[in-house]
Amino acid sequence: MSRMLVLTEAELRRVVRLDLSVIACVEEAFAALATKAVAMPPILRLDIPEYRGEVDVKTAYVPGLDGFAIKVSPGFFDNPKLGLPSLNGLMILFSARTGLVEALLLDNGYLTDVRTAAAGAVAARHLARPEAAVAAIFGAGMQARLQLEALALVRPIREARIWARDAQKAGEAASDLSRQLGFSVAAVADPRAAARGADVIVTTTPAERPILMAEWLEPGQHITAMGSDSEHKNEIDPAIFARASYVADRLAQTRRLGELAHAIRTGVATADQAFAELGEVIAGKRAGRRKADEITLADLTGTGVQDTAIANLAAFRARGAGAGQTIDTKAEMGDAA
């Protein structure tokens, strides 16, 4: 008998929250990229320019995990004008042994939000100075909020600034986060002022031109750039590559669509230049931060291993909690292709 677990966003929110256990889950997924025979094909991407829409499909098989996920993630960036969220989507979890569908995770992008924030925390844990206490967040959307929340779980953050093109959204986010996190979060009108004196800078926007400039950076800072998940997006001034130690989530991917791709196009980096991957740093195969005054840059474009890891975790926890609905998916004509 073939049985599939169906979970709604509300049910998934109850069993998966942004916490240290989720950060550990994502950290282990990155380490697997450096230590196991992971199968992770390139991202399948569909653009719908008439509606500022893009759809990414990501997947990975990670040896040792019972299932592999296929994640469909649409982003339609005019949706807020319609009163709709920009991001949504779902994940399908398959048995790694039989290929049968085990779970349908109707998360509307929630699990992607959580695993992306967790990845930012993993990058900070391995690249930011241990005493990092001041954060600057570029952007004021959901991911900006979650990135600061995740960062505060792995570093002793006591102050944060938020800059966004929409000053009202920045102010609202700052007010909400101050109440939620229990430390001062201020909206700042000037991005350079936001970056000044920050120990960690996180960029979370769909910007197509750089919003963080090389001349603003100071010794010892760590930057996590997670907005450039498609070829036309660019948050980081390519000149930063001449000043910072660069770490990719997946080098083959960031050469094509991350901040590294823009550095290659402008000649600041070369297409065959060797850089560390985050999984290699976690596994101890490559150095992360070497000294206190080093500037580090993590380029996070989103990987299928993150989706497979969090989908397995969500399904495991849901079964343990008795959450969701289980349905029989066996067809009467079982051999039909």
C-alpha atoms as a PDB file:
ATOM      1  CA  MET A   1       0.000   0.000   0.000  1.00  0.00           C
ATOM      2  CA  SER A   2       1.293   3.480  -0.919  1.00  0.00           C
ATOM      3  CA  ARG A   3       0.559   6.098   1.694  1.00  0.00           C
ATOM      4  CA  MET A   4       1.398   9.781   1.488  1.00  0.00           C
ATOM      5  CA  LEU A   5       1.443  12.325   4.289  1.00  0.00           C
ATOM      6  CA  VAL A   6      -0.072  15.701   3.382  1.00  0.00           C
ATOM      7  CA  LEU A   7       0.919  18.679   5.525  1.00  0.00           C
ATOM      8  CA  THR A   8      -0.380  22.248   5.334  1.00  0.00           C
ATOM      9  CA  GLU A   9       1.607  25.377   6.134  1.00  0.00           C
ATOM     10  CA  ALA A  10      -0.131  25.702   9.508  1.00  0.00           C
ATOM     11  CA  GLU A  11       0.825  22.151  10.451  1.00  0.00           C
ATOM     12  CA  LEU A  12       4.408  22.634   9.283  1.00  0.00           C
ATOM     13  CA  ARG A  13       4.719  25.837  11.306  1.00  0.00           C
ATOM     14  CA  ARG A  14       3.799  23.854  14.417  1.00  0.00           C
ATOM     15  CA  VAL A  15       6.469  21.182  13.936  1.00  0.00           C
ATOM     16  CA  VAL A  16       9.316  23.220  12.384  1.00  0.00           C
ATOM     17  CA  ARG A  17      10.444  26.504  13.896  1.00  0.00           C
ATOM     18  CA  LEU A  18      13.585  28.518  13.335  1.00  0.00           C
ATOM     19  CA  ASP A  19      15.757  27.234  16.176  1.00  0.00           C
ATOM     20  CA  LEU A  20      19.160  25.711  16.847  1.00  0.00           C
ATOM     21  CA  SER A  21      17.994  22.234  15.806  1.00  0.00           C
ATOM     22  CA  VAL A  22      16.991  23.496  12.358  1.00  0.00           C
ATOM     23  CA  ILE A  23      20.295  25.368  12.040  1.00  0.00           C
ATOM     24  CA  ALA A  24      22.104  22.111  12.886  1.00  0.00           C
ATOM     25  CA  CYS A  25      20.036  20.258  10.267  1.00  0.00           C
ATOM     26  CA  VAL A  26      21.051  22.730   7.553  1.00  0.00           C
ATOM     27  CA  GLU A  27      24.663  22.762   8.768  1.00  0.00           C
ATOM     28  CA  GLU A  28      24.820  18.968   8.390  1.00  0.00           C
ATOM     29  CA  ALA A  29      23.393  19.275   4.867  1.00  0.00           C
ATOM     30  CA  PHE A  30      26.175  21.670   3.870  1.00  0.00           C
ATOM     31  CA  ALA A  31      28.789  19.379   5.412  1.00  0.00           C
ATOM     32  CA  ALA A  32      27.364  16.505   3.350  1.00  0.00           C
ATOM     33  CA  LEU A  33      28.186  18.432   0.171  1.00  0.00           C
ATOM     34  CA  ALA A  34      31.855  18.265   1.150  1.00  0.00           C
ATOM     35  CA  THR A  35      31.962  14.762   2.620  1.00  0.00           C
ATOM     36  CA  LYS A  36      29.373  12.555   0.875  1.00  0.00           C
ATOM     37  CA  ALA A  37      28.417  11.503  -2.647  1.00  0.00           C
ATOM     38  CA  VAL A  38      25.573  14.019  -2.845  1.00  0.00           C
ATOM     39  CA  ALA A  39      23.663  14.202  -6.138  1.00  0.00           C
ATOM     40  CA  MET A  40      22.501  17.784  -6.726  1.00  0.00           C
ATOM     41  CA  PRO A  41      21.639  18.795 -10.301  1.00  0.00           C
ATOM     42  CA  PRO A  42      21.631  22.438 -11.425  1.00  0.00           C
ATOM     43  CA  ILE A  43      18.605  24.548 -10.592  1.00  0.00           C
ATOM     44  CA  LEU A  44      15.792  24.367 -13.132  1.00  0.00           C
ATOM     45  CA  ARG A  45      14.571  27.907 -13.686  1.00  0.00           C
ATOM     46  CA  LEU A  46      11.515  29.375 -15.422  1.00  0.00           C
ATOM     47  CA  ASP A  47      11.113  33.125 -15.954  1.00  0.00           C
ATOM     48  CA  ILE A  48       7.774  34.853 -16.510  1.00  0.00           C
ATOM     49  CA  PRO A  49       8.914  38.441 -17.108  1.00  0.00           C
ATOM     50  CA  GLU A  50       5.464  39.884 -17.884  1.00  0.00           C
ATOM     51  CA  TYR A  51       4.554  39.459 -14.215  1.00  0.00           C
ATOM     52  CA  ARG A  52       8.041  39.766 -12.671  1.00  0.00           C
ATOM     53  CA  GLY A  53       7.776  36.059 -11.998  1.00  0.00           C
ATOM     54  CA  GLU A  54      10.414  33.380 -11.595  1.00  0.00           C
ATOM     55  CA  VAL A  55      10.125  29.720 -10.642  1.00  0.00           C
ATOM     56  CA  ASP A  56      13.033  27.658  -9.315  1.00  0.00           C
ATOM     57  CA  VAL A  57      13.032  23.875  -8.955  1.00  0.00           C
ATOM     58  CA  LYS A  58      15.690  22.418  -6.647  1.00  0.00           C
ATOM     59  CA  THR A  59      16.478  18.903  -5.511  1.00  0.00           C
ATOM     60  CA  ALA A  60      19.245  16.761  -4.039  1.00  0.00           C
ATOM     61  CA  TYR A  61      19.875  13.228  -2.901  1.00  0.00           C
ATOM     62  CA  VAL A  62      21.924  13.057   0.298  1.00  0.00           C
ATOM     63  CA  PRO A  63      23.257   9.608   1.249  1.00  0.00           C
ATOM     64  CA  GLY A  64      22.074   8.695   4.719  1.00  0.00           C
ATOM     65  CA  LEU A  65      18.744  10.517   4.490  1.00  0.00           C
ATOM     66  CA  ASP A  66      15.633   8.392   3.972  1.00  0.00           C
ATOM     67  CA  GLY A  67      14.077  10.714   1.421  1.00  0.00           C
ATOM     68  CA  PHE A  68      14.929  13.269  -1.228  1.00  0.00           C
ATOM     69  CA  ALA A  69      12.900  16.407  -1.864  1.00  0.00           C
ATOM     70  CA  ILE A  70      11.914  18.247  -5.003  1.00  0.00           C
ATOM     71  CA  LYS A  71      11.068  21.852  -4.195  1.00  0.00           C
ATOM     72  CA  VAL A  72       9.097  24.166  -6.492  1.00  0.00           C
ATOM     73  CA  SER A  73       9.574  27.792  -5.492  1.00  0.00           C
ATOM     74  CA  PRO A  74       7.759  30.580  -7.383  1.00  0.00           C
ATOM     75  CA  GLY A  75       8.629  34.211  -6.743  1.00  0.00           C
ATOM     76  CA  PHE A  76       6.293  36.850  -8.219  1.00  0.00           C
ATOM     77  CA  PHE A  77       7.561  40.218  -7.086  1.00  0.00           C
ATOM     78  CA  ASP A  78       4.556  42.335  -8.087  1.00  0.00           C
ATOM     79  CA  ASN A  79       2.292  40.242  -5.853  1.00  0.00           C
ATOM     80  CA  PRO A  80       2.391  42.670  -2.891  1.00  0.00           C
ATOM     81  CA  LYS A  81       0.527  45.180  -5.095  1.00  0.00           C
ATOM     82  CA  LEU A  82      -2.249  42.582  -5.249  1.00  0.00           C
ATOM     83  CA  GLY A  83      -2.171  41.929  -1.525  1.00  0.00           C
ATOM     84  CA  LEU A  84      -0.408  38.596  -2.091  1.00  0.00           C
ATOM     85  CA  PRO A  85       2.964  37.309  -0.848  1.00  0.00           C
ATOM     86  CA  SER A  86       5.903  37.435  -3.246  1.00  0.00           C
ATOM     87  CA  LEU A  87       7.020  33.887  -2.498  1.00  0.00           C
ATOM     88  CA  ASN A  88       5.196  30.586  -2.155  1.00  0.00           C
ATOM     89  CA  GLY A  89       5.673  26.984  -3.251  1.00  0.00           C
ATOM     90  CA  LEU A  90       5.727  23.406  -2.035  1.00  0.00           C
ATOM     91  CA  MET A  91       8.008  20.432  -1.482  1.00  0.00           C
ATOM     92  CA  ILE A  92       7.507  16.786  -2.427  1.00  0.00           C
ATOM     93  CA  LEU A  93       9.390  14.194  -0.388  1.00  0.00           C
ATOM     94  CA  PHE A  94      10.170  10.887  -2.118  1.00  0.00           C
ATOM     95  CA  SER A  95      11.566   7.687  -0.670  1.00  0.00           C
ATOM     96  CA  ALA A  96      15.252   7.432  -1.554  1.00  0.00           C
ATOM     97  CA  ARG A  97      14.856   3.643  -1.629  1.00  0.00           C
ATOM     98  CA  THR A  98      11.710   3.216  -3.745  1.00  0.00           C
ATOM     99  CA  GLY A  99      11.002   6.597  -5.339  1.00  0.00           C
ATOM    100  CA  LEU A 100       7.456   6.570  -3.971  1.00  0.00           C
ATOM    101  CA  VAL A 101       5.964   9.854  -2.790  1.00  0.00           C
ATOM    102  CA  GLU A 102       6.091   9.922   0.995  1.00  0.00           C
ATOM    103  CA  ALA A 103       4.961  13.438   1.828  1.00  0.00           C
ATOM    104  CA  LEU A 104       3.464  16.504   0.196  1.00  0.00           C
ATOM    105  CA  LEU A 105       4.531  19.617   2.086  1.00  0.00           C
ATOM    106  CA  LEU A 106       2.171  22.475   1.194  1.00  0.00           C
ATOM    107  CA  ASP A 107       4.291  25.057   2.953  1.00  0.00           C
ATOM    108  CA  ASN A 108       3.711  28.105   0.722  1.00  0.00           C
ATOM    109  CA  GLY A 109       7.446  28.769   0.928  1.00  0.00           C
ATOM    110  CA  TYR A 110       7.631  28.604   4.746  1.00  0.00           C
ATOM    111  CA  LEU A 111      10.231  25.824   4.836  1.00  0.00           C
ATOM    112  CA  THR A 112      12.303  27.673   2.238  1.00  0.00           C
ATOM    113  CA  ASP A 113      12.191  30.799   4.403  1.00  0.00           C
ATOM    114  CA  VAL A 114      13.335  28.844   7.453  1.00  0.00           C
ATOM    115  CA  ARG A 115      16.120  26.887   5.748  1.00  0.00           C
ATOM    116  CA  THR A 116      17.405  30.067   4.064  1.00  0.00           C
ATOM    117  CA  ALA A 117      17.576  31.885   7.393  1.00  0.00           C
ATOM    118  CA  ALA A 118      19.256  28.859   8.943  1.00  0.00           C
ATOM    119  CA  ALA A 119      21.883  28.921   6.186  1.00  0.00           C
ATOM    120  CA  GLY A 120      22.652  32.527   7.070  1.00  0.00           C
ATOM    121  CA  ALA A 121      23.160  31.488  10.685  1.00  0.00           C
ATOM    122  CA  VAL A 122      25.467  28.650   9.588  1.00  0.00           C
ATOM    123  CA  ALA A 123      27.560  31.084   7.544  1.00  0.00           C
ATOM    124  CA  ALA A 124      27.815  33.492  10.486  1.00  0.00           C
ATOM    125  CA  ARG A 125      28.687  30.679  12.893  1.00  0.00           C
ATOM    126  CA  HIS A 126      31.710  29.714  10.780  1.00  0.00           C
ATOM    127  CA  LEU A 127      32.785  33.064   9.314  1.00  0.00           C
ATOM    128  CA  ALA A 128      31.762  35.924  11.632  1.00  0.00           C
ATOM    129  CA  ARG A 129      33.887  36.796  14.661  1.00  0.00           C
ATOM    130  CA  PRO A 130      32.648  34.959  17.784  1.00  0.00           C
ATOM    131  CA  GLU A 131      32.045  38.230  19.624  1.00  0.00           C
ATOM    132  CA  ALA A 132      30.043  39.812  16.774  1.00  0.00           C
ATOM    133  CA  ALA A 133      27.402  41.986  18.447  1.00  0.00           C
ATOM    134  CA  VAL A 134      26.186  44.549  15.886  1.00  0.00           C
ATOM    135  CA  ALA A 135      24.227  43.538  12.785  1.00  0.00           C
ATOM    136  CA  ALA A 136      23.144  45.440   9.688  1.00  0.00           C
ATOM    137  CA  ILE A 137      20.315  43.995   7.618  1.00  0.00           C
ATOM    138  CA  PHE A 138      19.690  45.250   4.089  1.00  0.00           C
ATOM    139  CA  GLY A 139      16.029  44.681   3.270  1.00  0.00           C
ATOM    140  CA  ALA A 140      12.854  44.656   5.342  1.00  0.00           C
ATOM    141  CA  GLY A 141      10.910  41.666   4.071  1.00  0.00           C
ATOM    142  CA  MET A 142      10.300  38.279   5.651  1.00  0.00           C
ATOM    143  CA  GLN A 143      13.827  37.034   4.981  1.00  0.00           C
ATOM    144  CA  ALA A 144      15.365  40.159   6.507  1.00  0.00           C
ATOM    145  CA  ARG A 145      13.444  39.479   9.707  1.00  0.00           C
ATOM    146  CA  LEU A 146      14.301  35.794   9.775  1.00  0.00           C
ATOM    147  CA  GLN A 147      17.980  36.391   9.030  1.00  0.00           C
ATOM    148  CA  LEU A 148      18.304  38.627  12.082  1.00  0.00           C
ATOM    149  CA  GLU A 149      16.368  36.155  14.221  1.00  0.00           C
ATOM    150  CA  ALA A 150      18.649  33.313  13.085  1.00  0.00           C
ATOM    151  CA  LEU A 151      21.810  35.370  13.507  1.00  0.00           C
ATOM    152  CA  ALA A 152      20.868  36.147  17.102  1.00  0.00           C
ATOM    153  CA  LEU A 153      20.789  32.399  17.813  1.00  0.00           C
ATOM    154  CA  VAL A 154      24.481  31.942  16.939  1.00  0.00           C
ATOM    155  CA  ARG A 155      26.092  35.281  17.801  1.00  0.00           C
ATOM    156  CA  PRO A 156      25.657  37.613  20.817  1.00  0.00           C
ATOM    157  CA  ILE A 157      23.817  40.323  18.880  1.00  0.00           C
ATOM    158  CA  ARG A 158      22.898  43.303  21.062  1.00  0.00           C
ATOM    159  CA  GLU A 159      22.136  45.913  18.391  1.00  0.00           C
ATOM    160  CA  ALA A 160      20.906  45.873  14.795  1.00  0.00           C
ATOM    161  CA  ARG A 161      20.166  48.347  12.019  1.00  0.00           C
ATOM    162  CA  ILE A 162      17.808  47.839   9.104  1.00  0.00           C
ATOM    163  CA  TRP A 163      18.045  49.665   5.813  1.00  0.00           C
ATOM    164  CA  ALA A 164      15.524  49.262   2.987  1.00  0.00           C
ATOM    165  CA  ARG A 165      14.451  51.342   0.018  1.00  0.00           C
ATOM    166  CA  ASP A 166      10.993  51.482   1.589  1.00  0.00           C
ATOM    167  CA  ALA A 167      11.620  53.469   4.772  1.00  0.00           C
ATOM    168  CA  GLN A 168       8.174  52.674   6.167  1.00  0.00           C
ATOM    169  CA  LYS A 169       8.754  48.927   5.844  1.00  0.00           C
ATOM    170  CA  ALA A 170      12.163  49.318   7.467  1.00  0.00           C
ATOM    171  CA  GLY A 171      10.610  51.153  10.384  1.00  0.00           C
ATOM    172  CA  GLU A 172       7.896  48.551  10.853  1.00  0.00           C
ATOM    173  CA  ALA A 173      10.389  45.703  10.715  1.00  0.00           C
ATOM    174  CA  ALA A 174      12.705  47.417  13.187  1.00  0.00           C
ATOM    175  CA  SER A 175       9.863  48.011  15.640  1.00  0.00           C
ATOM    176  CA  ASP A 176       8.618  44.431  15.395  1.00  0.00           C
ATOM    177  CA  LEU A 177      12.088  42.929  15.759  1.00  0.00           C
ATOM    178  CA  SER A 178      12.966  45.102  18.754  1.00  0.00           C
ATOM    179  CA  ARG A 179       9.942  43.710  20.587  1.00  0.00           C
ATOM    180  CA  GLN A 180      10.528  40.141  19.421  1.00  0.00           C
ATOM    181  CA  LEU A 181      14.271  39.860  20.024  1.00  0.00           C
ATOM    182  CA  GLY A 182      14.691  42.076  23.073  1.00  0.00           C
ATOM    183  CA  PHE A 183      17.502  44.308  21.785  1.00  0.00           C
ATOM    184  CA  SER A 184      17.641  47.613  19.917  1.00  0.00           C
ATOM    185  CA  VAL A 185      16.776  47.399  16.220  1.00  0.00           C
ATOM    186  CA  ALA A 186      16.730  50.753  14.422  1.00  0.00           C
ATOM    187  CA  ALA A 187      15.699  51.724  10.911  1.00  0.00           C
ATOM    188  CA  VAL A 188      18.491  53.670   9.188  1.00  0.00           C
ATOM    189  CA  ALA A 189      17.916  55.872   6.151  1.00  0.00           C
ATOM    190  CA  ASP A 190      21.437  55.589   4.695  1.00  0.00           C
ATOM    191  CA  PRO A 191      22.885  52.170   3.761  1.00  0.00           C
ATOM    192  CA  ARG A 192      26.446  53.296   4.412  1.00  0.00           C
ATOM    193  CA  ALA A 193      25.475  54.393   7.908  1.00  0.00           C
ATOM    194  CA  ALA A 194      23.799  51.036   8.468  1.00  0.00           C
ATOM    195  CA  ALA A 195      27.013  49.208   7.546  1.00  0.00           C
ATOM    196  CA  ARG A 196      29.291  51.472   9.592  1.00  0.00           C
ATOM    197  CA  GLY A 197      30.543  49.645  12.671  1.00  0.00           C
ATOM    198  CA  ALA A 198      28.496  46.522  11.961  1.00  0.00           C
ATOM    199  CA  ASP A 199      30.127  43.182  12.737  1.00  0.00           C
ATOM    200  CA  VAL A 200      27.784  41.257  10.427  1.00  0.00           C
ATOM    201  CA  ILE A 201      26.036  42.608   7.320  1.00  0.00           C
ATOM    202  CA  VAL A 202      23.270  40.546   5.706  1.00  0.00           C
ATOM    203  CA  THR A 203      21.784  41.509   2.336  1.00  0.00           C
ATOM    204  CA  THR A 204      18.319  40.085   1.680  1.00  0.00           C
ATOM    205  CA  THR A 205      16.971  41.961  -1.330  1.00  0.00           C
ATOM    206  CA  PRO A 206      16.112  41.221  -4.992  1.00  0.00           C
ATOM    207  CA  ALA A 207      18.361  44.144  -6.038  1.00  0.00           C
ATOM    208  CA  GLU A 208      19.681  44.164  -9.600  1.00  0.00           C
ATOM    209  CA  ARG A 209      22.426  46.689  -8.869  1.00  0.00           C
ATOM    210  CA  PRO A 210      24.837  46.705  -5.914  1.00  0.00           C
ATOM    211  CA  ILE A 211      23.512  48.070  -2.630  1.00  0.00           C
ATOM    212  CA  LEU A 212      26.643  47.332  -0.551  1.00  0.00           C
ATOM    213  CA  MET A 213      29.789  49.091  -1.746  1.00  0.00           C
ATOM    214  CA  ALA A 214      33.406  48.019  -1.264  1.00  0.00           C
ATOM    215  CA  GLU A 215      34.590  51.346   0.149  1.00  0.00           C
ATOM    216  CA  TRP A 216      32.118  51.060   3.027  1.00  0.00           C
ATOM    217  CA  LEU A 217      33.641  47.913   4.468  1.00  0.00           C
ATOM    218  CA  GLU A 218      35.742  47.806   7.629  1.00  0.00           C
ATOM    219  CA  PRO A 219      38.252  45.227   8.911  1.00  0.00           C
ATOM    220  CA  GLY A 220      36.706  42.245  10.676  1.00  0.00           C
ATOM    221  CA  GLN A 221      33.281  42.472   9.091  1.00  0.00           C
ATOM    222  CA  HIS A 222      31.391  39.463   7.780  1.00  0.00           C
ATOM    223  CA  ILE A 223      28.892  39.759   4.913  1.00  0.00           C
ATOM    224  CA  THR A 224      26.222  37.213   4.070  1.00  0.00           C
ATOM    225  CA  ALA A 225      24.667  37.887   0.666  1.00  0.00           C
ATOM    226  CA  MET A 226      21.570  35.801   0.033  1.00  0.00           C
ATOM    227  CA  GLY A 227      19.474  37.818  -2.408  1.00  0.00           C
ATOM    228  CA  SER A 228      21.255  36.988  -5.672  1.00  0.00           C
ATOM    229  CA  ASP A 229      19.618  33.672  -6.491  1.00  0.00           C
ATOM    230  CA  SER A 230      19.232  34.373 -10.213  1.00  0.00           C
ATOM    231  CA  GLU A 231      21.465  35.746 -12.929  1.00  0.00           C
ATOM    232  CA  HIS A 232      20.085  39.288 -13.048  1.00  0.00           C
ATOM    233  CA  LYS A 233      20.272  39.932  -9.287  1.00  0.00           C
ATOM    234  CA  ASN A 234      23.294  41.685  -7.789  1.00  0.00           C
ATOM    235  CA  GLU A 235      23.528  43.056  -4.231  1.00  0.00           C
ATOM    236  CA  ILE A 236      27.294  43.217  -3.733  1.00  0.00           C
ATOM    237  CA  ASP A 237      29.776  45.597  -5.369  1.00  0.00           C
ATOM    238  CA  PRO A 238      32.143  43.260  -7.264  1.00  0.00           C
ATOM    239  CA  ALA A 239      35.092  45.337  -5.983  1.00  0.00           C
ATOM    240  CA  ILE A 240      34.463  43.718  -2.580  1.00  0.00           C
ATOM    241  CA  PHE A 241      36.114  40.563  -3.953  1.00  0.00           C
ATOM    242  CA  ALA A 242      39.464  42.357  -3.871  1.00  0.00           C
ATOM    243  CA  ARG A 243      39.034  42.986  -0.134  1.00  0.00           C
ATOM    244  CA  ALA A 244      37.184  39.941   1.192  1.00  0.00           C
ATOM    245  CA  SER A 245      37.723  36.200   1.608  1.00  0.00           C
ATOM    246  CA  TYR A 246      34.936  34.593  -0.388  1.00  0.00           C
ATOM    247  CA  VAL A 247      32.980  31.427   0.489  1.00  0.00           C
ATOM    248  CA  ALA A 248      30.255  29.947  -1.761  1.00  0.00           C
ATOM    249  CA  ASP A 249      27.369  27.713  -0.820  1.00  0.00           C
ATOM    250  CA  ARG A 250      28.003  25.817  -4.087  1.00  0.00           C
ATOM    251  CA  LEU A 251      30.780  27.143  -6.304  1.00  0.00           C
ATOM    252  CA  ALA A 252      29.395  25.769  -9.574  1.00  0.00           C
ATOM    253  CA  GLN A 253      26.174  27.606  -8.789  1.00  0.00           C
ATOM    254  CA  THR A 254      27.572  30.957  -7.613  1.00  0.00           C
ATOM    255  CA  ARG A 255      29.755  31.147 -10.717  1.00  0.00           C
ATOM    256  CA  ARG A 256      26.542  31.142 -12.720  1.00  0.00           C
ATOM    257  CA  LEU A 257      24.029  33.132 -10.704  1.00  0.00           C
ATOM    258  CA  GLY A 258      25.528  34.414  -7.454  1.00  0.00           C
ATOM    259  CA  GLU A 259      27.588  37.441  -6.537  1.00  0.00           C
ATOM    260  CA  LEU A 260      30.615  35.581  -7.878  1.00  0.00           C
ATOM    261  CA  ALA A 261      29.040  35.588 -11.357  1.00  0.00           C
ATOM    262  CA  HIS A 262      29.049  39.391 -11.371  1.00  0.00           C
ATOM    263  CA  ALA A 263      32.650  39.487 -10.132  1.00  0.00           C
ATOM    264  CA  ILE A 264      33.622  37.187 -13.028  1.00  0.00           C
ATOM    265  CA  ARG A 265      31.765  39.353 -15.564  1.00  0.00           C
ATOM    266  CA  THR A 266      33.544  42.484 -14.346  1.00  0.00           C
ATOM    267  CA  GLY A 267      36.965  40.807 -14.283  1.00  0.00           C
ATOM    268  CA  VAL A 268      37.484  40.983 -10.525  1.00  0.00           C
ATOM    269  CA  ALA A 269      37.475  37.170 -10.361  1.00  0.00           C
ATOM    270  CA  THR A 270      38.082  34.464 -12.945  1.00  0.00           C
ATOM    271  CA  ALA A 271      35.777  31.628 -13.954  1.00  0.00           C
ATOM    272  CA  ASP A 272      38.255  28.963 -12.852  1.00  0.00           C
ATOM    273  CA  GLN A 273      39.376  30.666  -9.641  1.00  0.00           C
ATOM    274  CA  ALA A 274      39.340  28.345  -6.634  1.00  0.00           C
ATOM    275  CA  PHE A 275      37.247  29.421  -3.659  1.00  0.00           C
ATOM    276  CA  ALA A 276      36.093  27.573  -0.565  1.00  0.00           C
ATOM    277  CA  GLU A 277      32.572  26.228  -0.175  1.00  0.00           C
ATOM    278  CA  LEU A 278      30.701  26.557   3.100  1.00  0.00           C
ATOM    279  CA  GLY A 279      30.459  22.772   3.474  1.00  0.00           C
ATOM    280  CA  GLU A 280      34.241  22.489   3.188  1.00  0.00           C
ATOM    281  CA  VAL A 281      34.659  25.071   5.946  1.00  0.00           C
ATOM    282  CA  ILE A 282      32.195  23.226   8.193  1.00  0.00           C
ATOM    283  CA  ALA A 283      33.956  19.903   7.541  1.00  0.00           C
ATOM    284  CA  GLY A 284      37.370  21.406   8.302  1.00  0.00           C
ATOM    285  CA  LYS A 285      38.633  20.904   4.753  1.00  0.00           C
ATOM    286  CA  ARG A 286      39.089  24.628   4.081  1.00  0.00           C
ATOM    287  CA  ALA A 287      39.773  27.553   6.350  1.00  0.00           C
ATOM    288  CA  GLY A 288      36.987  29.936   7.279  1.00  0.00           C
ATOM    289  CA  ARG A 289      37.954  33.126   9.080  1.00  0.00           C
ATOM    290  CA  ARG A 290      41.724  33.173   9.519  1.00  0.00           C
ATOM    291  CA  LYS A 291      42.161  36.352  11.578  1.00  0.00           C
ATOM    292  CA  ALA A 292      40.084  38.906  13.445  1.00  0.00           C
ATOM    293  CA  ASP A 293      40.526  41.765  10.970  1.00  0.00           C
ATOM    294  CA  GLU A 294      39.740  39.673   7.888  1.00  0.00           C
ATOM    295  CA  ILE A 295      36.641  40.595   5.853  1.00  0.00           C
ATOM    296  CA  THR A 296      34.607  37.527   4.903  1.00  0.00           C
ATOM    297  CA  LEU A 297      31.824  37.141   2.334  1.00  0.00           C
ATOM    298  CA  ALA A 298      29.382  34.223   2.111  1.00  0.00           C
ATOM    299  CA  ASP A 299      27.450  33.946  -1.145  1.00  0.00           C
ATOM    300  CA  LEU A 300      24.236  31.970  -0.501  1.00  0.00           C
ATOM    301  CA  THR A 301      22.203  31.156  -3.601  1.00  0.00           C
ATOM    302  CA  GLY A 302      20.164  28.310  -2.079  1.00  0.00           C
ATOM    303  CA  THR A 303      20.916  24.620  -2.539  1.00  0.00           C
ATOM    304  CA  GLY A 304      18.849  21.497  -2.980  1.00  0.00           C
ATOM    305  CA  VAL A 305      20.536  19.829  -0.007  1.00  0.00           C
ATOM    306  CA  GLN A 306      18.940  22.430   2.264  1.00  0.00           C
ATOM    307  CA  ASP A 307      15.504  21.537   0.898  1.00  0.00           C
ATOM    308  CA  THR A 308      16.022  17.791   1.196  1.00  0.00           C
ATOM    309  CA  ALA A 309      17.330  18.187   4.755  1.00  0.00           C
ATOM    310  CA  ILE A 310      14.455  20.312   6.037  1.00  0.00           C
ATOM    311  CA  ALA A 311      11.822  18.235   4.206  1.00  0.00           C
ATOM    312  CA  ASN A 312      13.093  15.079   5.913  1.00  0.00           C
ATOM    313  CA  LEU A 313      13.104  16.843   9.273  1.00  0.00           C
ATOM    314  CA  ALA A 314       9.582  18.194   8.775  1.00  0.00           C
ATOM    315  CA  ALA A 315       8.127  14.824   7.773  1.00  0.00           C
ATOM    316  CA  PHE A 316       9.856  13.049  10.675  1.00  0.00           C
ATOM    317  CA  ARG A 317       8.570  15.547  13.221  1.00  0.00           C
ATOM    318  CA  ALA A 318       5.077  15.574  11.733  1.00  0.00           C
ATOM    319  CA  ARG A 319       4.795  11.796  11.970  1.00  0.00           C
ATOM    320  CA  GLY A 320       5.967  11.921  15.561  1.00  0.00           C
ATOM    321  CA  ALA A 321       3.382  14.569  16.391  1.00  0.00           C
ATOM    322  CA  GLY A 322       0.563  12.839  14.500  1.00  0.00           C
ATOM    323  CA  ALA A 323       0.197  15.897  12.285  1.00  0.00           C
ATOM    324  CA  GLY A 324      -1.209  16.019   8.790  1.00  0.00           C
ATOM    325  CA  GLN A 325      -3.458  13.758   6.771  1.00  0.00           C
ATOM    326  CA  THR A 326      -2.372  10.395   5.366  1.00  0.00           C
ATOM    327  CA  ILE A 327      -3.948   9.295   2.105  1.00  0.00           C
ATOM    328  CA  ASP A 328      -3.696   6.109   0.054  1.00  0.00           C
ATOM    329  CA  THR A 329      -2.176   6.943  -3.338  1.00  0.00           C
ATOM    330  CA  LYS A 330      -2.187   3.449  -4.872  1.00  0.00           C
ATOM    331  CA  ALA A 331      -3.857   3.361  -8.254  1.00  0.00           C
ATOM    332  CA  GLU A 332      -6.170   0.511  -9.238  1.00  0.00           C
ATOM    333  CA  MET A 333      -3.932  -0.165 -12.261  1.00  0.00           C
ATOM    334  CA  GLY A 334      -0.655  -0.189 -10.368  1.00  0.00           C
ATOM    335  CA  ASP A 335       1.578  -0.685 -13.399  1.00  0.00           C
ATOM    336  CA  ALA A 336       0.458   2.477 -15.162  1.00  0.00           C
ATOM    337  CA  ALA A 337       3.382   4.729 -16.055  1.00  0.00           C
END
